[in-house]
Amino acid sequence: MTQTADTTDATARMKAIVAAHVDQALARRIDDELGELPDIGPHQRVQWIAEILARRDRIIEEVTTKASRLADEPSAPTVDLQ
């Protein structure tokens, strides 16, 4: 494998790990906050959940970008993503 392919593969694995953590955090937030919401109708609940999930991809991209930047620093510790 070339270095570019290795980097692409590592980035994809990192993105999958970040996505799993973000999904867990969002699920907890939705679960926690749904119980605290005032009595709202089902349409508003769906809209509220959709707004949270709409941010998911942006959050994953930002975290992955920051992690990649940190990994590229010479003093950064190496992390085995396997």
C-alpha atoms as a PDB file:
ATOM      1  CA  MET A   1       0.000   0.000   0.000  1.00  0.00           C
ATOM      2  CA  THR A   2       1.199   3.472  -0.730  1.00  0.00           C
ATOM      3  CA  GLN A   3       1.478   6.138   1.911  1.00  0.00           C
ATOM      4  CA  THR A   4      -1.517   7.946   0.394  1.00  0.00           C
ATOM      5  CA  ALA A   5      -3.640   4.791   0.580  1.00  0.00           C
ATOM      6  CA  ASP A   6      -2.484   4.188   4.163  1.00  0.00           C
ATOM      7  CA  THR A   7      -3.412   7.755   5.099  1.00  0.00           C
ATOM      8  CA  THR A   8      -6.798   7.483   3.390  1.00  0.00           C
ATOM      9  CA  ASP A   9      -7.482   4.161   5.135  1.00  0.00           C
ATOM     10  CA  ALA A  10      -6.438   5.556   8.525  1.00  0.00           C
ATOM     11  CA  THR A  11      -8.622   8.628   8.011  1.00  0.00           C
ATOM     12  CA  ALA A  12     -11.609   6.447   7.113  1.00  0.00           C
ATOM     13  CA  ARG A  13     -11.083   4.301  10.231  1.00  0.00           C
ATOM     14  CA  MET A  14     -10.726   7.419  12.393  1.00  0.00           C
ATOM     15  CA  LYS A  15     -13.905   8.893  10.892  1.00  0.00           C
ATOM     16  CA  ALA A  16     -15.804   5.655  11.643  1.00  0.00           C
ATOM     17  CA  ILE A  17     -14.608   5.694  15.259  1.00  0.00           C
ATOM     18  CA  VAL A  18     -15.551   9.364  15.663  1.00  0.00           C
ATOM     19  CA  ALA A  19     -18.966   8.701  14.086  1.00  0.00           C
ATOM     20  CA  ALA A  20     -19.650   5.888  16.551  1.00  0.00           C
ATOM     21  CA  HIS A  21     -18.807   8.129  19.511  1.00  0.00           C
ATOM     22  CA  VAL A  22     -20.855  11.037  18.144  1.00  0.00           C
ATOM     23  CA  ASP A  23     -23.814   8.722  17.526  1.00  0.00           C
ATOM     24  CA  GLN A  24     -23.649   7.457  21.123  1.00  0.00           C
ATOM     25  CA  ALA A  25     -23.432  10.985  22.514  1.00  0.00           C
ATOM     26  CA  LEU A  26     -26.324  12.216  20.376  1.00  0.00           C
ATOM     27  CA  ALA A  27     -28.457   9.217  21.341  1.00  0.00           C
ATOM     28  CA  ARG A  28     -27.828   9.951  25.034  1.00  0.00           C
ATOM     29  CA  ARG A  29     -28.629  13.626  24.530  1.00  0.00           C
ATOM     30  CA  ILE A  30     -31.858  12.869  22.692  1.00  0.00           C
ATOM     31  CA  ASP A  31     -32.880  10.323  25.317  1.00  0.00           C
ATOM     32  CA  ASP A  32     -32.039  12.647  28.226  1.00  0.00           C
ATOM     33  CA  GLU A  33     -33.629  15.760  26.796  1.00  0.00           C
ATOM     34  CA  LEU A  34     -36.793  14.155  25.443  1.00  0.00           C
ATOM     35  CA  GLY A  35     -37.859  13.486  29.009  1.00  0.00           C
ATOM     36  CA  GLU A  36     -37.229  17.120  29.945  1.00  0.00           C
ATOM     37  CA  LEU A  37     -39.060  18.707  27.016  1.00  0.00           C
ATOM     38  CA  PRO A  38     -42.364  20.342  27.779  1.00  0.00           C
ATOM     39  CA  ASP A  39     -45.433  18.583  26.494  1.00  0.00           C
ATOM     40  CA  ILE A  40     -44.997  19.044  22.756  1.00  0.00           C
ATOM     41  CA  GLY A  41     -46.627  17.259  19.879  1.00  0.00           C
ATOM     42  CA  PRO A  42     -45.070  14.460  17.858  1.00  0.00           C
ATOM     43  CA  HIS A  43     -44.308  16.757  14.905  1.00  0.00           C
ATOM     44  CA  GLN A  44     -42.283  19.101  17.129  1.00  0.00           C
ATOM     45  CA  ARG A  45     -40.438  16.147  18.700  1.00  0.00           C
ATOM     46  CA  VAL A  46     -39.486  14.853  15.260  1.00  0.00           C
ATOM     47  CA  GLN A  47     -38.372  18.334  14.203  1.00  0.00           C
ATOM     48  CA  TRP A  48     -36.288  18.716  17.383  1.00  0.00           C
ATOM     49  CA  ILE A  49     -34.568  15.343  16.829  1.00  0.00           C
ATOM     50  CA  ALA A  50     -33.985  16.171  13.142  1.00  0.00           C
ATOM     51  CA  GLU A  51     -32.257  19.430  14.106  1.00  0.00           C
ATOM     52  CA  ILE A  52     -29.870  17.567  16.403  1.00  0.00           C
ATOM     53  CA  LEU A  53     -29.135  14.885  13.811  1.00  0.00           C
ATOM     54  CA  ALA A  54     -28.586  17.509  11.106  1.00  0.00           C
ATOM     55  CA  ARG A  55     -25.523  18.634  13.039  1.00  0.00           C
ATOM     56  CA  ARG A  56     -24.115  15.070  13.171  1.00  0.00           C
ATOM     57  CA  ASP A  57     -22.116  15.159   9.919  1.00  0.00           C
ATOM     58  CA  ARG A  58     -20.664  18.592  10.703  1.00  0.00           C
ATOM     59  CA  ILE A  59     -19.586  17.447  14.171  1.00  0.00           C
ATOM     60  CA  ILE A  60     -17.968  14.282  12.781  1.00  0.00           C
ATOM     61  CA  GLU A  61     -16.141  16.254  10.089  1.00  0.00           C
ATOM     62  CA  GLU A  62     -14.845  18.864  12.554  1.00  0.00           C
ATOM     63  CA  VAL A  63     -13.599  16.281  15.051  1.00  0.00           C
ATOM     64  CA  THR A  64     -11.978  14.158  12.338  1.00  0.00           C
ATOM     65  CA  THR A  65     -10.259  17.215  10.838  1.00  0.00           C
ATOM     66  CA  LYS A  66      -8.903  18.288  14.225  1.00  0.00           C
ATOM     67  CA  ALA A  67      -7.732  14.763  15.028  1.00  0.00           C
ATOM     68  CA  SER A  68      -6.002  14.466  11.649  1.00  0.00           C
ATOM     69  CA  ARG A  69      -4.286  17.789  12.199  1.00  0.00           C
ATOM     70  CA  LEU A  70      -3.073  16.659  15.619  1.00  0.00           C
ATOM     71  CA  ALA A  71      -1.879  13.341  14.205  1.00  0.00           C
ATOM     72  CA  ASP A  72       0.169  15.190  11.583  1.00  0.00           C
ATOM     73  CA  GLU A  73       2.094  17.136  14.228  1.00  0.00           C
ATOM     74  CA  PRO A  74       5.603  15.724  14.721  1.00  0.00           C
ATOM     75  CA  SER A  75       5.275  15.529  18.493  1.00  0.00           C
ATOM     76  CA  ALA A  76       1.884  13.834  18.409  1.00  0.00           C
ATOM     77  CA  PRO A  77       1.734  10.379  19.955  1.00  0.00           C
ATOM     78  CA  THR A  78       0.819   7.603  17.561  1.00  0.00           C
ATOM     79  CA  VAL A  79      -2.502   5.868  17.985  1.00  0.00           C
ATOM     80  CA  ASP A  80      -3.280   2.395  16.723  1.00  0.00           C
ATOM     81  CA  LEU A  81      -6.819   2.549  15.333  1.00  0.00           C
ATOM     82  CA  GLN A  82      -7.202  -1.203  15.046  1.00  0.00           C
END
